[in-house]
Amino acid sequence: MAKKKSTRNRRPRKLKLRGFNNLTKTLSFNIYDVCYARSPQARKEYLAYIDEEYNSERLVKILHEVADIIGANVLDVSSQDYDPMGASVTILIAEEPIDPKPEQVLAHLDKSHLCIHTYPETDSRTGISTFRVDVDVSTCGKISPLKALNHLVDSFESDIVLLDYKVRGFTRDIRGNKHYIDHRIHSIQQYVDKAILDLYQTVDINIYQENLFHTKMLLRDFNLDNYLFAAASSDFTEEERVRIKKSLKQEMTEIFYSKNIF
């Protein structure tokens, strides 16, 4: 009797396509950084710090790094800093180099793009300041946005990370059969480094039949000093520390579960 060959660790057979891969793969992030700023002046300084630290020039650099990681070619860059705060950057990308780069290519390839928007805000009632970053990495062809996942988490002070991954459209193999996804995936967590995952509490909400994957990540470690802007925990009384810690944890829990806690 012939011995059955093991299929463990065997790479999946590469899908042979009839033409261009028309699948669109989009990875969307909401990244939150939360802190406590004691006074109106401290909150003003925090917002100014965030606005300078993550200005459009810095965001352009991050997205160029993302393009390098996923193997995309940058076609065009649009960036804007806002008054009084915030910034946006959009980069159009292509799978293959295009030279020369005709203007009409920008419209033709607008389904492949990288973009970042920032949203700093503060609550004068509680002193809690929350910085949100929205990131979209949308590609078509062979390049995958999932390759940039770890770099983007590392690029920001990420207390909470909400991730969505969606594969849209279809492509055809050499026999003309439609394929609505071209790779195996059961969770976004497959593509997150273990060293990063170990730092976070994680929850998955996936709809496999729709090729829709969602992962929430909440930082496990809570050291109050890491959440105080221009202050140390020793600057506060025990009663104040308890109140601040409670407010910070409530803010983070509400964002993580997208639900107000009263």
C-alpha atoms as a PDB file:
ATOM      1  CA  MET A   1       0.000   0.000   0.000  1.00  0.00           C
ATOM      2  CA  ALA A   2       1.466   3.352  -1.063  1.00  0.00           C
ATOM      3  CA  LYS A   3       2.272   5.713   1.761  1.00  0.00           C
ATOM      4  CA  LYS A   4       0.204   8.889   1.673  1.00  0.00           C
ATOM      5  CA  LYS A   5       2.326  12.007   1.281  1.00  0.00           C
ATOM      6  CA  SER A   6       1.996  14.667   3.961  1.00  0.00           C
ATOM      7  CA  THR A   7       0.578  17.989   2.840  1.00  0.00           C
ATOM      8  CA  ARG A   8       1.761  19.813   5.950  1.00  0.00           C
ATOM      9  CA  ASN A   9       3.781  22.970   5.233  1.00  0.00           C
ATOM     10  CA  ARG A  10       3.170  22.517   1.521  1.00  0.00           C
ATOM     11  CA  ARG A  11       2.718  25.865  -0.204  1.00  0.00           C
ATOM     12  CA  PRO A  12      -0.679  26.383  -1.873  1.00  0.00           C
ATOM     13  CA  ARG A  13      -0.586  26.071  -5.643  1.00  0.00           C
ATOM     14  CA  LYS A  14      -0.248  29.456  -7.283  1.00  0.00           C
ATOM     15  CA  LEU A  15      -3.394  30.570  -9.058  1.00  0.00           C
ATOM     16  CA  LYS A  16      -2.795  30.921 -12.812  1.00  0.00           C
ATOM     17  CA  LEU A  17      -4.724  33.870 -14.186  1.00  0.00           C
ATOM     18  CA  ARG A  18      -5.914  34.544 -17.710  1.00  0.00           C
ATOM     19  CA  GLY A  19      -5.007  38.230 -17.511  1.00  0.00           C
ATOM     20  CA  PHE A  20      -4.642  41.081 -15.046  1.00  0.00           C
ATOM     21  CA  ASN A  21      -5.643  40.387 -11.442  1.00  0.00           C
ATOM     22  CA  ASN A  22      -8.790  42.519 -11.029  1.00  0.00           C
ATOM     23  CA  LEU A  23      -9.245  41.837  -7.309  1.00  0.00           C
ATOM     24  CA  THR A  24      -9.139  44.949  -5.136  1.00  0.00           C
ATOM     25  CA  LYS A  25      -7.711  44.400  -1.651  1.00  0.00           C
ATOM     26  CA  THR A  26      -8.249  47.136   0.912  1.00  0.00           C
ATOM     27  CA  LEU A  27      -6.750  47.330   4.382  1.00  0.00           C
ATOM     28  CA  SER A  28      -8.220  50.084   6.572  1.00  0.00           C
ATOM     29  CA  PHE A  29      -6.871  51.190   9.951  1.00  0.00           C
ATOM     30  CA  ASN A  30      -8.223  53.326  12.740  1.00  0.00           C
ATOM     31  CA  ILE A  31      -5.328  53.930  15.123  1.00  0.00           C
ATOM     32  CA  TYR A  32      -5.865  55.775  18.414  1.00  0.00           C
ATOM     33  CA  ASP A  33      -3.429  57.365  20.853  1.00  0.00           C
ATOM     34  CA  VAL A  34      -4.987  58.427  24.174  1.00  0.00           C
ATOM     35  CA  CYS A  35      -3.519  60.678  26.861  1.00  0.00           C
ATOM     36  CA  TYR A  36      -4.405  62.969  29.769  1.00  0.00           C
ATOM     37  CA  ALA A  37      -3.515  66.665  29.681  1.00  0.00           C
ATOM     38  CA  ARG A  38      -4.168  68.398  32.986  1.00  0.00           C
ATOM     39  CA  SER A  39      -4.774  72.048  32.076  1.00  0.00           C
ATOM     40  CA  PRO A  40      -6.185  73.918  29.071  1.00  0.00           C
ATOM     41  CA  GLN A  41      -2.625  74.998  28.255  1.00  0.00           C
ATOM     42  CA  ALA A  42      -1.361  71.423  28.429  1.00  0.00           C
ATOM     43  CA  ARG A  43      -4.155  70.275  26.113  1.00  0.00           C
ATOM     44  CA  LYS A  44      -3.276  73.054  23.690  1.00  0.00           C
ATOM     45  CA  GLU A  45       0.384  72.003  23.775  1.00  0.00           C
ATOM     46  CA  TYR A  46      -0.572  68.355  23.223  1.00  0.00           C
ATOM     47  CA  LEU A  47      -2.542  69.209  20.106  1.00  0.00           C
ATOM     48  CA  ALA A  48       0.352  71.344  18.856  1.00  0.00           C
ATOM     49  CA  TYR A  49       2.778  68.476  19.510  1.00  0.00           C
ATOM     50  CA  ILE A  50       0.619  65.985  17.594  1.00  0.00           C
ATOM     51  CA  ASP A  51       0.128  68.450  14.754  1.00  0.00           C
ATOM     52  CA  GLU A  52       3.889  68.869  14.407  1.00  0.00           C
ATOM     53  CA  GLU A  53       4.843  65.232  15.011  1.00  0.00           C
ATOM     54  CA  TYR A  54       2.413  63.912  12.395  1.00  0.00           C
ATOM     55  CA  ASN A  55       2.379  66.703   9.837  1.00  0.00           C
ATOM     56  CA  SER A  56       1.894  65.996   6.144  1.00  0.00           C
ATOM     57  CA  GLU A  57       5.650  65.734   5.517  1.00  0.00           C
ATOM     58  CA  ARG A  58       5.956  62.923   8.086  1.00  0.00           C
ATOM     59  CA  LEU A  59       2.864  61.189   6.718  1.00  0.00           C
ATOM     60  CA  VAL A  60       4.209  61.327   3.150  1.00  0.00           C
ATOM     61  CA  LYS A  61       7.390  59.631   4.397  1.00  0.00           C
ATOM     62  CA  ILE A  62       5.382  56.874   6.100  1.00  0.00           C
ATOM     63  CA  LEU A  63       3.334  56.209   2.961  1.00  0.00           C
ATOM     64  CA  HIS A  64       6.440  56.118   0.755  1.00  0.00           C
ATOM     65  CA  GLU A  65       7.789  53.459   3.142  1.00  0.00           C
ATOM     66  CA  VAL A  66       4.514  51.550   2.802  1.00  0.00           C
ATOM     67  CA  ALA A  67       4.764  51.692  -1.005  1.00  0.00           C
ATOM     68  CA  ASP A  68       8.286  50.242  -0.796  1.00  0.00           C
ATOM     69  CA  ILE A  69       7.166  47.458   1.548  1.00  0.00           C
ATOM     70  CA  ILE A  70       4.264  46.290  -0.627  1.00  0.00           C
ATOM     71  CA  GLY A  71       6.258  46.708  -3.844  1.00  0.00           C
ATOM     72  CA  ALA A  72       4.136  49.471  -5.387  1.00  0.00           C
ATOM     73  CA  ASN A  73       5.246  52.302  -7.653  1.00  0.00           C
ATOM     74  CA  VAL A  74       4.260  55.848  -6.659  1.00  0.00           C
ATOM     75  CA  LEU A  75       2.492  57.817  -9.394  1.00  0.00           C
ATOM     76  CA  ASP A  76       1.368  60.959  -7.625  1.00  0.00           C
ATOM     77  CA  VAL A  77       1.331  62.506  -4.139  1.00  0.00           C
ATOM     78  CA  SER A  78      -1.197  64.946  -2.708  1.00  0.00           C
ATOM     79  CA  SER A  79      -0.754  66.326   0.819  1.00  0.00           C
ATOM     80  CA  GLN A  80      -2.390  68.971   2.963  1.00  0.00           C
ATOM     81  CA  ASP A  81      -1.941  70.387   6.477  1.00  0.00           C
ATOM     82  CA  TYR A  82      -5.062  71.899   8.028  1.00  0.00           C
ATOM     83  CA  ASP A  83      -5.694  74.930  10.214  1.00  0.00           C
ATOM     84  CA  PRO A  84      -5.999  74.676  13.177  1.00  0.00           C
ATOM     85  CA  MET A  85      -4.799  71.054  13.127  1.00  0.00           C
ATOM     86  CA  GLY A  86      -4.710  67.766  11.222  1.00  0.00           C
ATOM     87  CA  ALA A  87      -3.249  66.572   7.941  1.00  0.00           C
ATOM     88  CA  SER A  88      -4.151  64.396   4.950  1.00  0.00           C
ATOM     89  CA  VAL A  89      -1.996  62.585   2.403  1.00  0.00           C
ATOM     90  CA  THR A  90      -3.056  60.545  -0.635  1.00  0.00           C
ATOM     91  CA  ILE A  91      -0.662  58.632  -2.889  1.00  0.00           C
ATOM     92  CA  LEU A  92      -1.716  56.964  -6.147  1.00  0.00           C
ATOM     93  CA  ILE A  93       0.192  53.760  -6.845  1.00  0.00           C
ATOM     94  CA  ALA A  94       0.591  51.151  -9.574  1.00  0.00           C
ATOM     95  CA  GLU A  95       1.826  47.569  -9.540  1.00  0.00           C
ATOM     96  CA  GLU A  96       4.279  48.121 -12.395  1.00  0.00           C
ATOM     97  CA  PRO A  97       6.543  51.106 -13.155  1.00  0.00           C
ATOM     98  CA  ILE A  98       5.010  53.534 -15.644  1.00  0.00           C
ATOM     99  CA  ASP A  99       7.344  55.796 -17.593  1.00  0.00           C
ATOM    100  CA  PRO A 100       6.502  58.345 -18.766  1.00  0.00           C
ATOM    101  CA  LYS A 101       3.576  58.977 -16.393  1.00  0.00           C
ATOM    102  CA  PRO A 102       0.713  60.420 -18.449  1.00  0.00           C
ATOM    103  CA  GLU A 103      -1.879  62.500 -16.607  1.00  0.00           C
ATOM    104  CA  GLN A 104      -4.734  60.153 -17.517  1.00  0.00           C
ATOM    105  CA  VAL A 105      -3.045  57.339 -15.581  1.00  0.00           C
ATOM    106  CA  LEU A 106      -4.073  59.023 -12.328  1.00  0.00           C
ATOM    107  CA  ALA A 107      -7.741  58.489 -13.064  1.00  0.00           C
ATOM    108  CA  HIS A 108      -7.174  55.004 -14.451  1.00  0.00           C
ATOM    109  CA  LEU A 109      -5.350  53.813 -11.347  1.00  0.00           C
ATOM    110  CA  ASP A 110      -7.281  55.623  -8.630  1.00  0.00           C
ATOM    111  CA  LYS A 111      -8.448  52.271  -7.216  1.00  0.00           C
ATOM    112  CA  SER A 112      -4.842  51.687  -6.092  1.00  0.00           C
ATOM    113  CA  HIS A 113      -3.959  54.220  -3.456  1.00  0.00           C
ATOM    114  CA  LEU A 114      -2.569  54.920  -0.021  1.00  0.00           C
ATOM    115  CA  CYS A 115      -4.052  57.609   2.194  1.00  0.00           C
ATOM    116  CA  ILE A 116      -3.779  58.916   5.755  1.00  0.00           C
ATOM    117  CA  HIS A 117      -5.982  61.394   7.605  1.00  0.00           C
ATOM    118  CA  THR A 118      -5.343  62.599  11.169  1.00  0.00           C
ATOM    119  CA  TYR A 119      -7.911  63.748  13.722  1.00  0.00           C
ATOM    120  CA  PRO A 120      -6.540  65.205  16.985  1.00  0.00           C
ATOM    121  CA  GLU A 121      -9.157  66.204  19.560  1.00  0.00           C
ATOM    122  CA  THR A 122      -9.453  66.944  23.275  1.00  0.00           C
ATOM    123  CA  ASP A 123     -12.196  66.904  25.924  1.00  0.00           C
ATOM    124  CA  SER A 124     -12.075  70.005  28.129  1.00  0.00           C
ATOM    125  CA  ARG A 125     -14.366  68.328  30.694  1.00  0.00           C
ATOM    126  CA  THR A 126     -12.226  65.265  31.439  1.00  0.00           C
ATOM    127  CA  GLY A 127      -8.806  66.361  30.168  1.00  0.00           C
ATOM    128  CA  ILE A 128      -8.647  63.304  27.906  1.00  0.00           C
ATOM    129  CA  SER A 129      -7.054  63.941  24.512  1.00  0.00           C
ATOM    130  CA  THR A 130      -7.432  61.422  21.708  1.00  0.00           C
ATOM    131  CA  PHE A 131      -5.453  61.341  18.478  1.00  0.00           C
ATOM    132  CA  ARG A 132      -6.999  59.263  15.678  1.00  0.00           C
ATOM    133  CA  VAL A 133      -5.281  58.239  12.461  1.00  0.00           C
ATOM    134  CA  ASP A 134      -7.242  56.751   9.557  1.00  0.00           C
ATOM    135  CA  VAL A 135      -5.183  54.796   7.039  1.00  0.00           C
ATOM    136  CA  ASP A 136      -6.328  53.111   3.818  1.00  0.00           C
ATOM    137  CA  VAL A 137      -4.077  50.894   1.715  1.00  0.00           C
ATOM    138  CA  SER A 138      -5.976  49.783  -1.395  1.00  0.00           C
ATOM    139  CA  THR A 139      -4.302  47.715  -4.113  1.00  0.00           C
ATOM    140  CA  CYS A 140      -5.103  45.690  -7.172  1.00  0.00           C
ATOM    141  CA  GLY A 141      -2.939  43.118  -8.922  1.00  0.00           C
ATOM    142  CA  LYS A 142      -0.411  40.941  -7.114  1.00  0.00           C
ATOM    143  CA  ILE A 143       0.686  43.446  -4.478  1.00  0.00           C
ATOM    144  CA  SER A 144      -0.890  43.011  -1.047  1.00  0.00           C
ATOM    145  CA  PRO A 145      -1.639  45.724   1.544  1.00  0.00           C
ATOM    146  CA  LEU A 146      -1.260  43.153   4.336  1.00  0.00           C
ATOM    147  CA  LYS A 147       2.529  43.369   3.982  1.00  0.00           C
ATOM    148  CA  ALA A 148       2.415  46.918   5.366  1.00  0.00           C
ATOM    149  CA  LEU A 149       0.366  46.064   8.443  1.00  0.00           C
ATOM    150  CA  ASN A 150       3.154  45.793  11.022  1.00  0.00           C
ATOM    151  CA  HIS A 151       5.004  48.854   9.764  1.00  0.00           C
ATOM    152  CA  LEU A 152       1.900  51.022  10.095  1.00  0.00           C
ATOM    153  CA  VAL A 153       1.178  49.844  13.647  1.00  0.00           C
ATOM    154  CA  ASP A 154       4.807  50.627  14.562  1.00  0.00           C
ATOM    155  CA  SER A 155       4.689  54.058  12.894  1.00  0.00           C
ATOM    156  CA  PHE A 156       2.197  55.490  15.382  1.00  0.00           C
ATOM    157  CA  GLU A 157       1.666  55.420  19.135  1.00  0.00           C
ATOM    158  CA  SER A 158      -1.012  52.758  18.906  1.00  0.00           C
ATOM    159  CA  ASP A 159      -3.077  52.242  22.061  1.00  0.00           C
ATOM    160  CA  ILE A 160      -6.035  50.956  20.047  1.00  0.00           C
ATOM    161  CA  VAL A 161      -5.977  49.570  16.510  1.00  0.00           C
ATOM    162  CA  LEU A 162      -9.141  48.746  14.554  1.00  0.00           C
ATOM    163  CA  LEU A 163      -8.443  46.861  11.319  1.00  0.00           C
ATOM    164  CA  ASP A 164     -10.658  46.043   8.348  1.00  0.00           C
ATOM    165  CA  TYR A 165      -9.594  43.951   5.371  1.00  0.00           C
ATOM    166  CA  LYS A 166     -11.867  43.457   2.378  1.00  0.00           C
ATOM    167  CA  VAL A 167     -11.342  41.743  -0.972  1.00  0.00           C
ATOM    168  CA  ARG A 168     -13.688  43.040  -3.664  1.00  0.00           C
ATOM    169  CA  GLY A 169     -14.492  42.089  -7.246  1.00  0.00           C
ATOM    170  CA  PHE A 170     -13.315  38.957  -9.043  1.00  0.00           C
ATOM    171  CA  THR A 171     -10.572  37.759 -11.349  1.00  0.00           C
ATOM    172  CA  ARG A 172     -10.473  34.834 -13.802  1.00  0.00           C
ATOM    173  CA  ASP A 173      -8.139  31.880 -14.061  1.00  0.00           C
ATOM    174  CA  ILE A 174      -6.828  30.499 -17.343  1.00  0.00           C
ATOM    175  CA  ARG A 175     -10.001  28.423 -17.730  1.00  0.00           C
ATOM    176  CA  GLY A 176     -12.207  31.476 -17.368  1.00  0.00           C
ATOM    177  CA  ASN A 177     -13.478  30.581 -13.888  1.00  0.00           C
ATOM    178  CA  LYS A 178     -14.159  33.474 -11.500  1.00  0.00           C
ATOM    179  CA  HIS A 179     -12.180  33.771  -8.261  1.00  0.00           C
ATOM    180  CA  TYR A 180     -13.316  36.174  -5.554  1.00  0.00           C
ATOM    181  CA  ILE A 181     -10.134  35.851  -3.495  1.00  0.00           C
ATOM    182  CA  ASP A 182      -6.660  34.698  -4.510  1.00  0.00           C
ATOM    183  CA  HIS A 183      -5.108  33.831  -1.129  1.00  0.00           C
ATOM    184  CA  ARG A 184      -5.986  31.959   2.037  1.00  0.00           C
ATOM    185  CA  ILE A 185      -6.890  33.996   5.111  1.00  0.00           C
ATOM    186  CA  HIS A 186      -8.907  33.237   8.240  1.00  0.00           C
ATOM    187  CA  SER A 187      -7.906  36.318  10.278  1.00  0.00           C
ATOM    188  CA  ILE A 188      -5.945  39.542   9.922  1.00  0.00           C
ATOM    189  CA  GLN A 189      -3.993  38.350  12.946  1.00  0.00           C
ATOM    190  CA  GLN A 190      -2.171  35.890  10.674  1.00  0.00           C
ATOM    191  CA  TYR A 191      -0.269  38.879   9.280  1.00  0.00           C
ATOM    192  CA  VAL A 192       0.539  40.613  12.581  1.00  0.00           C
ATOM    193  CA  ASP A 193       3.952  39.910  14.131  1.00  0.00           C
ATOM    194  CA  LYS A 194       3.694  37.798  17.282  1.00  0.00           C
ATOM    195  CA  ALA A 195       5.739  40.396  19.187  1.00  0.00           C
ATOM    196  CA  ILE A 196       3.030  42.966  18.400  1.00  0.00           C
ATOM    197  CA  LEU A 197       0.117  40.605  19.086  1.00  0.00           C
ATOM    198  CA  ASP A 198       1.516  39.787  22.519  1.00  0.00           C
ATOM    199  CA  LEU A 199       1.139  43.452  23.473  1.00  0.00           C
ATOM    200  CA  TYR A 200      -2.569  43.600  22.677  1.00  0.00           C
ATOM    201  CA  GLN A 201      -5.908  42.158  23.660  1.00  0.00           C
ATOM    202  CA  THR A 202      -7.517  41.138  20.355  1.00  0.00           C
ATOM    203  CA  VAL A 203     -11.015  40.400  19.064  1.00  0.00           C
ATOM    204  CA  ASP A 204     -11.982  39.131  15.591  1.00  0.00           C
ATOM    205  CA  ILE A 205     -15.276  39.689  13.798  1.00  0.00           C
ATOM    206  CA  ASN A 206     -15.079  37.994  10.403  1.00  0.00           C
ATOM    207  CA  ILE A 207     -17.590  37.300   7.630  1.00  0.00           C
ATOM    208  CA  TYR A 208     -15.745  34.673   5.611  1.00  0.00           C
ATOM    209  CA  GLN A 209     -18.358  34.252   2.895  1.00  0.00           C
ATOM    210  CA  GLU A 210     -18.078  37.987   2.138  1.00  0.00           C
ATOM    211  CA  ASN A 211     -14.253  38.037   2.281  1.00  0.00           C
ATOM    212  CA  LEU A 212     -14.574  40.619   5.062  1.00  0.00           C
ATOM    213  CA  PHE A 213     -12.243  40.527   8.068  1.00  0.00           C
ATOM    214  CA  HIS A 214     -12.183  42.754  11.145  1.00  0.00           C
ATOM    215  CA  THR A 215      -9.731  42.756  14.068  1.00  0.00           C
ATOM    216  CA  LYS A 216      -9.686  44.979  17.161  1.00  0.00           C
ATOM    217  CA  MET A 217      -6.511  45.447  19.224  1.00  0.00           C
ATOM    218  CA  LEU A 218      -6.324  47.073  22.679  1.00  0.00           C
ATOM    219  CA  LEU A 219      -2.971  47.566  24.420  1.00  0.00           C
ATOM    220  CA  ARG A 220      -2.724  45.260  27.447  1.00  0.00           C
ATOM    221  CA  ASP A 221      -0.182  47.148  29.559  1.00  0.00           C
ATOM    222  CA  PHE A 222      -1.421  50.225  31.387  1.00  0.00           C
ATOM    223  CA  ASN A 223       1.237  52.392  33.025  1.00  0.00           C
ATOM    224  CA  LEU A 224      -0.296  55.717  33.987  1.00  0.00           C
ATOM    225  CA  ASP A 225       2.944  57.606  33.342  1.00  0.00           C
ATOM    226  CA  ASN A 226       2.742  56.587  29.679  1.00  0.00           C
ATOM    227  CA  TYR A 227      -0.600  58.359  29.352  1.00  0.00           C
ATOM    228  CA  LEU A 228       0.238  61.679  30.983  1.00  0.00           C
ATOM    229  CA  PHE A 229       1.269  64.621  28.815  1.00  0.00           C
ATOM    230  CA  ALA A 230       3.900  66.967  30.312  1.00  0.00           C
ATOM    231  CA  ALA A 231       3.340  65.430  33.758  1.00  0.00           C
ATOM    232  CA  ALA A 232       4.193  62.431  35.932  1.00  0.00           C
ATOM    233  CA  SER A 233       1.942  60.338  38.146  1.00  0.00           C
ATOM    234  CA  SER A 234       3.797  61.714  41.196  1.00  0.00           C
ATOM    235  CA  ASP A 235       2.391  65.163  40.347  1.00  0.00           C
ATOM    236  CA  PHE A 236      -1.082  63.973  41.352  1.00  0.00           C
ATOM    237  CA  THR A 237      -2.711  62.822  44.570  1.00  0.00           C
ATOM    238  CA  GLU A 238      -3.817  59.214  44.913  1.00  0.00           C
ATOM    239  CA  GLU A 239      -7.417  60.293  44.462  1.00  0.00           C
ATOM    240  CA  GLU A 240      -6.535  62.192  41.274  1.00  0.00           C
ATOM    241  CA  ARG A 241      -4.581  59.213  39.908  1.00  0.00           C
ATOM    242  CA  VAL A 242      -7.565  56.919  40.449  1.00  0.00           C
ATOM    243  CA  ARG A 243      -9.882  59.389  38.691  1.00  0.00           C
ATOM    244  CA  ILE A 244      -7.520  59.935  35.743  1.00  0.00           C
ATOM    245  CA  LYS A 245      -6.890  56.216  35.308  1.00  0.00           C
ATOM    246  CA  LYS A 246     -10.625  55.542  35.328  1.00  0.00           C
ATOM    247  CA  SER A 247     -11.245  58.250  32.692  1.00  0.00           C
ATOM    248  CA  LEU A 248      -8.457  56.957  30.451  1.00  0.00           C
ATOM    249  CA  LYS A 249      -9.630  53.355  30.660  1.00  0.00           C
ATOM    250  CA  GLN A 250     -13.208  54.391  29.976  1.00  0.00           C
ATOM    251  CA  GLU A 251     -12.114  56.314  26.879  1.00  0.00           C
ATOM    252  CA  MET A 252     -10.142  53.355  25.566  1.00  0.00           C
ATOM    253  CA  THR A 253     -12.881  50.823  26.322  1.00  0.00           C
ATOM    254  CA  GLU A 254     -15.536  52.959  24.616  1.00  0.00           C
ATOM    255  CA  ILE A 255     -13.391  53.289  21.491  1.00  0.00           C
ATOM    256  CA  PHE A 256     -12.537  49.580  21.475  1.00  0.00           C
ATOM    257  CA  TYR A 257     -16.171  48.478  21.713  1.00  0.00           C
ATOM    258  CA  SER A 258     -17.621  51.502  19.841  1.00  0.00           C
ATOM    259  CA  LYS A 259     -20.033  52.002  22.705  1.00  0.00           C
ATOM    260  CA  ASN A 260     -20.453  54.684  25.383  1.00  0.00           C
ATOM    261  CA  ILE A 261     -20.072  53.546  28.980  1.00  0.00           C
ATOM    262  CA  PHE A 262     -22.064  55.418  31.571  1.00  0.00           C
END
